[in-house]
Amino acid sequence: MIQAVDIREWRTCAVVDPKGHKIGVLEAVYVDTTTDEPAVATVRTGLPTRRRLVFVPVDDALLGPGYVKIAYARGLVRKAPSIGTDDVLPAEREEAIFRHYGMTYQPGANGERKLARR
């Protein structure tokens, strides 16, 4: 798991799937607002003229020299909910990320956002 103090170090590292296939480049990490632990990352993918940021959970992520290996296959990640490179994640789209990966979505205690960008 990526530790909160390491988040800035891993920005711009290659993101690879369990088989070592490159998915893209780590752009940002979103933390769980209830625990302040890293929850998902955005990965910059696509051709230079059609870049987008896809979301992927960072549970069980392994860090190596210049890369972050995630627990999800490249094909699944590429079909994940995404935003434009200059966009922000709307609160109402958070649940779709969790659903895409078969994870349970639980908003904050008072209905606030589950994810916050670091």
N, C-alpha and C. Protein backbone atom coordinates (compact mmCIF):
# COMPACT_ATOMS: atom_id res chain seq x y z
N MET A 1 0.85 -1.19 0.00
CA MET A 1 0.00 0.00 0.00
C MET A 1 0.88 1.23 0.00
N ILE A 2 0.49 2.22 -0.75
CA ILE A 2 1.21 3.49 -0.79
C ILE A 2 0.95 4.23 0.52
N GLN A 3 2.00 4.63 1.19
CA GLN A 3 1.86 5.38 2.43
C GLN A 3 1.65 6.85 2.11
N ALA A 4 0.90 7.54 2.96
CA ALA A 4 0.58 8.94 2.73
C ALA A 4 1.83 9.80 2.54
N VAL A 5 2.91 9.51 3.25
CA VAL A 5 4.13 10.31 3.12
C VAL A 5 4.84 10.07 1.80
N ASP A 6 4.54 8.97 1.12
CA ASP A 6 5.20 8.63 -0.13
C ASP A 6 4.48 9.13 -1.37
N ILE A 7 3.28 9.64 -1.22
CA ILE A 7 2.44 9.97 -2.37
C ILE A 7 3.16 10.85 -3.38
N ARG A 8 3.79 11.90 -2.95
CA ARG A 8 4.43 12.82 -3.89
C ARG A 8 5.61 12.17 -4.61
N GLU A 9 6.28 11.23 -3.97
CA GLU A 9 7.41 10.55 -4.59
C GLU A 9 6.98 9.71 -5.79
N TRP A 10 5.78 9.18 -5.76
CA TRP A 10 5.36 8.24 -6.79
C TRP A 10 4.62 8.88 -7.94
N ARG A 11 4.36 10.18 -7.85
CA ARG A 11 3.71 10.88 -8.95
C ARG A 11 4.64 10.83 -10.16
N THR A 12 4.10 10.56 -11.30
CA THR A 12 4.77 10.42 -12.60
C THR A 12 5.49 9.08 -12.77
N CYS A 13 5.35 8.15 -11.84
CA CYS A 13 5.91 6.81 -12.03
C CYS A 13 5.00 6.01 -12.97
N ALA A 14 5.58 5.04 -13.63
CA ALA A 14 4.80 4.14 -14.47
C ALA A 14 3.88 3.30 -13.58
N VAL A 15 2.67 3.05 -14.06
CA VAL A 15 1.73 2.16 -13.37
C VAL A 15 1.62 0.91 -14.22
N VAL A 16 1.88 -0.25 -13.60
CA VAL A 16 1.85 -1.52 -14.33
C VAL A 16 0.85 -2.47 -13.68
N ASP A 17 0.35 -3.42 -14.47
CA ASP A 17 -0.60 -4.41 -13.95
C ASP A 17 0.18 -5.59 -13.38
N PRO A 18 -0.51 -6.61 -12.84
CA PRO A 18 0.20 -7.74 -12.22
C PRO A 18 1.18 -8.47 -13.15
N LYS A 19 0.93 -8.42 -14.47
CA LYS A 19 1.83 -9.08 -15.42
C LYS A 19 2.95 -8.16 -15.90
N GLY A 20 2.98 -6.92 -15.39
CA GLY A 20 4.03 -5.98 -15.76
C GLY A 20 3.71 -5.14 -16.98
N HIS A 21 2.49 -5.24 -17.51
CA HIS A 21 2.09 -4.42 -18.66
C HIS A 21 1.86 -2.98 -18.20
N LYS A 22 2.47 -2.05 -18.91
CA LYS A 22 2.30 -0.64 -18.55
C LYS A 22 0.89 -0.17 -18.88
N ILE A 23 0.28 0.51 -17.91
CA ILE A 23 -1.06 1.06 -18.07
C ILE A 23 -0.97 2.54 -18.38
N GLY A 24 -0.08 3.23 -17.70
CA GLY A 24 0.06 4.68 -17.87
C GLY A 24 0.98 5.23 -16.81
N VAL A 25 0.75 6.50 -16.47
CA VAL A 25 1.59 7.21 -15.50
C VAL A 25 0.73 7.67 -14.33
N LEU A 26 1.21 7.47 -13.11
CA LEU A 26 0.46 7.90 -11.93
C LEU A 26 0.39 9.42 -11.89
N GLU A 27 -0.82 9.93 -11.84
CA GLU A 27 -1.04 11.38 -11.86
C GLU A 27 -1.29 11.93 -10.46
N ALA A 28 -2.25 11.32 -9.74
CA ALA A 28 -2.61 11.81 -8.40
C ALA A 28 -3.17 10.67 -7.57
N VAL A 29 -3.17 10.87 -6.27
CA VAL A 29 -3.73 9.88 -5.35
C VAL A 29 -4.87 10.52 -4.58
N TYR A 30 -5.95 9.78 -4.45
CA TYR A 30 -7.11 10.21 -3.66
C TYR A 30 -7.14 9.38 -2.39
N VAL A 31 -7.31 10.05 -1.26
CA VAL A 31 -7.37 9.36 0.03
C VAL A 31 -8.82 9.16 0.46
N ASP A 32 -9.02 8.17 1.30
CA ASP A 32 -10.32 7.92 1.93
C ASP A 32 -10.50 9.01 2.99
N THR A 33 -11.58 9.77 2.91
CA THR A 33 -11.77 10.89 3.83
C THR A 33 -11.99 10.47 5.27
N THR A 34 -12.39 9.22 5.52
CA THR A 34 -12.59 8.78 6.90
C THR A 34 -11.30 8.29 7.55
N THR A 35 -10.37 7.75 6.75
CA THR A 35 -9.14 7.20 7.32
C THR A 35 -7.89 7.99 6.93
N ASP A 36 -7.98 8.85 5.93
CA ASP A 36 -6.87 9.60 5.38
C ASP A 36 -5.79 8.68 4.78
N GLU A 37 -6.18 7.46 4.41
CA GLU A 37 -5.28 6.51 3.77
C GLU A 37 -5.51 6.55 2.26
N PRO A 38 -4.47 6.33 1.46
CA PRO A 38 -4.64 6.29 0.02
C PRO A 38 -5.67 5.24 -0.39
N ALA A 39 -6.58 5.61 -1.28
CA ALA A 39 -7.65 4.70 -1.70
C ALA A 39 -7.59 4.40 -3.20
N VAL A 40 -7.52 5.44 -4.02
CA VAL A 40 -7.44 5.27 -5.47
C VAL A 40 -6.44 6.26 -6.05
N ALA A 41 -5.97 5.92 -7.23
CA ALA A 41 -5.07 6.82 -7.95
C ALA A 41 -5.64 7.10 -9.32
N THR A 42 -5.24 8.22 -9.89
CA THR A 42 -5.57 8.47 -11.29
C THR A 42 -4.32 8.12 -12.10
N VAL A 43 -4.59 7.48 -13.23
CA VAL A 43 -3.52 7.06 -14.12
C VAL A 43 -3.74 7.73 -15.46
N ARG A 44 -2.74 8.46 -15.93
CA ARG A 44 -2.84 9.15 -17.22
C ARG A 44 -2.61 8.12 -18.33
N THR A 45 -3.61 7.98 -19.21
CA THR A 45 -3.53 7.01 -20.30
C THR A 45 -3.91 7.69 -21.61
N GLY A 46 -3.73 6.97 -22.69
CA GLY A 46 -4.17 7.45 -24.00
C GLY A 46 -3.07 8.08 -24.82
N LEU A 47 -3.44 8.37 -26.05
CA LEU A 47 -2.52 9.03 -26.98
C LEU A 47 -2.35 10.49 -26.58
N PRO A 48 -1.26 11.12 -26.99
CA PRO A 48 -1.03 12.51 -26.60
C PRO A 48 -2.19 13.46 -26.89
N THR A 49 -2.93 13.22 -27.95
CA THR A 49 -4.06 14.10 -28.28
C THR A 49 -5.37 13.68 -27.61
N ARG A 50 -5.37 12.52 -26.96
CA ARG A 50 -6.60 12.01 -26.34
C ARG A 50 -6.33 11.48 -24.93
N ARG A 51 -5.57 12.19 -24.15
CA ARG A 51 -5.24 11.76 -22.79
C ARG A 51 -6.47 11.84 -21.89
N ARG A 52 -6.51 10.95 -20.90
CA ARG A 52 -7.55 10.96 -19.88
C ARG A 52 -6.97 10.36 -18.61
N LEU A 53 -7.67 10.56 -17.52
CA LEU A 53 -7.25 10.02 -16.23
C LEU A 53 -8.25 8.94 -15.83
N VAL A 54 -7.77 7.70 -15.68
CA VAL A 54 -8.63 6.61 -15.22
C VAL A 54 -8.33 6.37 -13.74
N PHE A 55 -9.33 5.87 -13.04
CA PHE A 55 -9.21 5.63 -11.61
C PHE A 55 -8.93 4.16 -11.34
N VAL A 56 -8.03 3.90 -10.39
CA VAL A 56 -7.71 2.53 -10.00
C VAL A 56 -7.43 2.49 -8.50
N PRO A 57 -7.98 1.49 -7.80
CA PRO A 57 -7.68 1.34 -6.36
C PRO A 57 -6.20 1.03 -6.15
N VAL A 58 -5.67 1.51 -5.06
CA VAL A 58 -4.26 1.26 -4.74
C VAL A 58 -4.08 0.28 -3.59
N ASP A 59 -5.17 -0.41 -3.23
CA ASP A 59 -5.01 -1.46 -2.22
C ASP A 59 -4.09 -2.53 -2.80
N ASP A 60 -3.20 -3.03 -2.01
CA ASP A 60 -2.23 -4.05 -2.41
C ASP A 60 -1.27 -3.59 -3.49
N ALA A 61 -1.09 -2.29 -3.66
CA ALA A 61 -0.11 -1.79 -4.63
C ALA A 61 1.30 -2.08 -4.14
N LEU A 62 2.18 -2.42 -5.07
CA LEU A 62 3.58 -2.66 -4.76
C LEU A 62 4.40 -1.57 -5.43
N LEU A 63 5.34 -1.04 -4.69
CA LEU A 63 6.17 0.04 -5.21
C LEU A 63 7.54 -0.49 -5.58
N GLY A 64 8.01 -0.07 -6.73
CA GLY A 64 9.35 -0.46 -7.17
C GLY A 64 10.08 0.76 -7.67
N PRO A 65 11.29 0.59 -8.12
CA PRO A 65 12.05 1.75 -8.62
C PRO A 65 11.44 2.27 -9.92
N GLY A 66 10.72 3.37 -9.82
CA GLY A 66 10.14 3.99 -10.99
C GLY A 66 8.80 3.45 -11.43
N TYR A 67 8.21 2.53 -10.65
CA TYR A 67 6.90 2.00 -11.03
C TYR A 67 6.04 1.70 -9.81
N VAL A 68 4.74 1.62 -10.06
CA VAL A 68 3.76 1.19 -9.06
C VAL A 68 3.01 0.04 -9.70
N LYS A 69 3.07 -1.13 -9.07
CA LYS A 69 2.35 -2.30 -9.59
C LYS A 69 1.04 -2.42 -8.84
N ILE A 70 -0.06 -2.39 -9.59
CA ILE A 70 -1.38 -2.50 -8.98
C ILE A 70 -1.92 -3.92 -9.15
N ALA A 71 -3.01 -4.21 -8.45
CA ALA A 71 -3.56 -5.57 -8.44
C ALA A 71 -4.61 -5.82 -9.52
N TYR A 72 -4.76 -4.92 -10.47
CA TYR A 72 -5.83 -5.03 -11.46
C TYR A 72 -5.25 -5.09 -12.87
N ALA A 73 -5.88 -5.90 -13.73
CA ALA A 73 -5.42 -6.07 -15.11
C ALA A 73 -5.59 -4.79 -15.92
N ARG A 74 -4.70 -4.60 -16.86
CA ARG A 74 -4.71 -3.42 -17.71
C ARG A 74 -6.05 -3.22 -18.41
N GLY A 75 -6.66 -4.28 -18.92
CA GLY A 75 -7.94 -4.17 -19.61
C GLY A 75 -9.04 -3.62 -18.72
N LEU A 76 -9.09 -4.08 -17.47
CA LEU A 76 -10.09 -3.60 -16.52
C LEU A 76 -9.87 -2.13 -16.20
N VAL A 77 -8.63 -1.75 -16.00
CA VAL A 77 -8.32 -0.36 -15.66
C VAL A 77 -8.66 0.57 -16.81
N ARG A 78 -8.35 0.18 -18.02
CA ARG A 78 -8.63 1.04 -19.17
C ARG A 78 -10.13 1.27 -19.40
N LYS A 79 -10.97 0.38 -18.88
CA LYS A 79 -12.43 0.54 -19.00
C LYS A 79 -13.03 1.23 -17.78
N ALA A 80 -12.20 1.63 -16.84
CA ALA A 80 -12.66 2.25 -15.59
C ALA A 80 -13.20 3.65 -15.83
N PRO A 81 -14.00 4.16 -14.89
CA PRO A 81 -14.46 5.54 -14.98
C PRO A 81 -13.25 6.48 -15.11
N SER A 82 -13.43 7.53 -15.90
CA SER A 82 -12.31 8.45 -16.15
C SER A 82 -12.80 9.89 -16.17
N ILE A 83 -11.83 10.78 -16.14
CA ILE A 83 -12.09 12.22 -16.28
C ILE A 83 -11.04 12.78 -17.23
N GLY A 84 -11.27 13.98 -17.72
CA GLY A 84 -10.28 14.66 -18.55
C GLY A 84 -9.09 15.05 -17.71
N THR A 85 -7.99 15.32 -18.36
CA THR A 85 -6.76 15.64 -17.63
C THR A 85 -6.85 16.94 -16.83
N ASP A 86 -7.77 17.82 -17.17
CA ASP A 86 -7.94 19.08 -16.43
C ASP A 86 -9.20 19.08 -15.58
N ASP A 87 -9.89 17.94 -15.50
CA ASP A 87 -11.15 17.87 -14.77
C ASP A 87 -10.94 17.43 -13.33
N VAL A 88 -11.99 17.58 -12.53
CA VAL A 88 -12.00 17.09 -11.15
C VAL A 88 -13.10 16.04 -11.03
N LEU A 89 -12.94 15.15 -10.08
CA LEU A 89 -13.92 14.09 -9.88
C LEU A 89 -15.16 14.63 -9.19
N PRO A 90 -16.34 14.59 -9.86
CA PRO A 90 -17.57 15.01 -9.20
C PRO A 90 -17.97 13.99 -8.12
N ALA A 91 -18.50 14.46 -7.02
CA ALA A 91 -18.88 13.58 -5.91
C ALA A 91 -19.84 12.49 -6.36
N GLU A 92 -20.75 12.82 -7.26
CA GLU A 92 -21.75 11.83 -7.68
C GLU A 92 -21.16 10.71 -8.55
N ARG A 93 -19.91 10.82 -8.98
CA ARG A 93 -19.28 9.76 -9.80
C ARG A 93 -18.38 8.84 -8.98
N GLU A 94 -18.20 9.14 -7.70
CA GLU A 94 -17.33 8.30 -6.86
C GLU A 94 -17.81 6.85 -6.80
N GLU A 95 -19.09 6.67 -6.60
CA GLU A 95 -19.63 5.32 -6.45
C GLU A 95 -19.34 4.45 -7.67
N ALA A 96 -19.36 5.03 -8.87
CA ALA A 96 -19.11 4.28 -10.09
C ALA A 96 -17.71 3.66 -10.10
N ILE A 97 -16.75 4.34 -9.52
CA ILE A 97 -15.38 3.81 -9.45
C ILE A 97 -15.37 2.53 -8.62
N PHE A 98 -15.98 2.59 -7.45
CA PHE A 98 -16.00 1.44 -6.56
C PHE A 98 -16.78 0.29 -7.20
N ARG A 99 -17.89 0.59 -7.83
CA ARG A 99 -18.73 -0.43 -8.47
C ARG A 99 -17.95 -1.11 -9.61
N HIS A 100 -17.20 -0.35 -10.38
CA HIS A 100 -16.43 -0.90 -11.49
C HIS A 100 -15.46 -1.99 -11.02
N TYR A 101 -14.88 -1.80 -9.86
CA TYR A 101 -13.92 -2.76 -9.33
C TYR A 101 -14.54 -3.76 -8.36
N GLY A 102 -15.87 -3.78 -8.26
CA GLY A 102 -16.55 -4.73 -7.39
C GLY A 102 -16.35 -4.46 -5.92
N MET A 103 -16.15 -3.20 -5.57
CA MET A 103 -15.92 -2.82 -4.18
C MET A 103 -17.16 -2.13 -3.62
N THR A 104 -17.32 -2.19 -2.31
CA THR A 104 -18.43 -1.54 -1.64
C THR A 104 -18.14 -0.06 -1.48
N TYR A 105 -19.14 0.75 -1.78
CA TYR A 105 -18.99 2.20 -1.63
C TYR A 105 -19.75 2.64 -0.39
N GLN A 106 -19.07 3.36 0.48
CA GLN A 106 -19.67 3.88 1.70
C GLN A 106 -19.28 5.34 1.82
N PRO A 107 -20.23 6.29 1.60
CA PRO A 107 -19.88 7.71 1.73
C PRO A 107 -19.49 8.05 3.16
N GLY A 108 -18.96 9.25 3.34
CA GLY A 108 -18.55 9.71 4.67
C GLY A 108 -19.70 9.70 5.67
N ALA A 109 -19.37 9.88 6.93
CA ALA A 109 -20.33 9.78 8.03
C ALA A 109 -21.57 10.65 7.85
N ASN A 110 -21.42 11.85 7.35
CA ASN A 110 -22.56 12.74 7.16
C ASN A 110 -22.92 12.90 5.69
N GLY A 111 -22.63 11.86 4.90
CA GLY A 111 -22.93 11.89 3.49
C GLY A 111 -21.92 12.64 2.64
N GLU A 112 -20.80 13.04 3.26
CA GLU A 112 -19.79 13.78 2.49
C GLU A 112 -19.02 12.84 1.59
N ARG A 113 -18.15 13.40 0.80
CA ARG A 113 -17.36 12.65 -0.16
C ARG A 113 -16.55 11.55 0.50
N LYS A 114 -16.33 10.50 -0.23
CA LYS A 114 -15.50 9.39 0.22
C LYS A 114 -14.03 9.64 -0.13
N LEU A 115 -13.80 10.35 -1.24
CA LEU A 115 -12.45 10.54 -1.76
C LEU A 115 -12.03 12.00 -1.79
N ALA A 116 -10.78 12.25 -1.45
CA ALA A 116 -10.21 13.60 -1.52
C ALA A 116 -8.85 13.50 -2.18
N ARG A 117 -8.58 14.39 -3.11
CA ARG A 117 -7.31 14.36 -3.84
C ARG A 117 -6.18 14.90 -2.99
N ARG A 118 -5.04 14.23 -3.08
CA ARG A 118 -3.83 14.68 -2.38
C ARG A 118 -2.85 15.23 -3.36
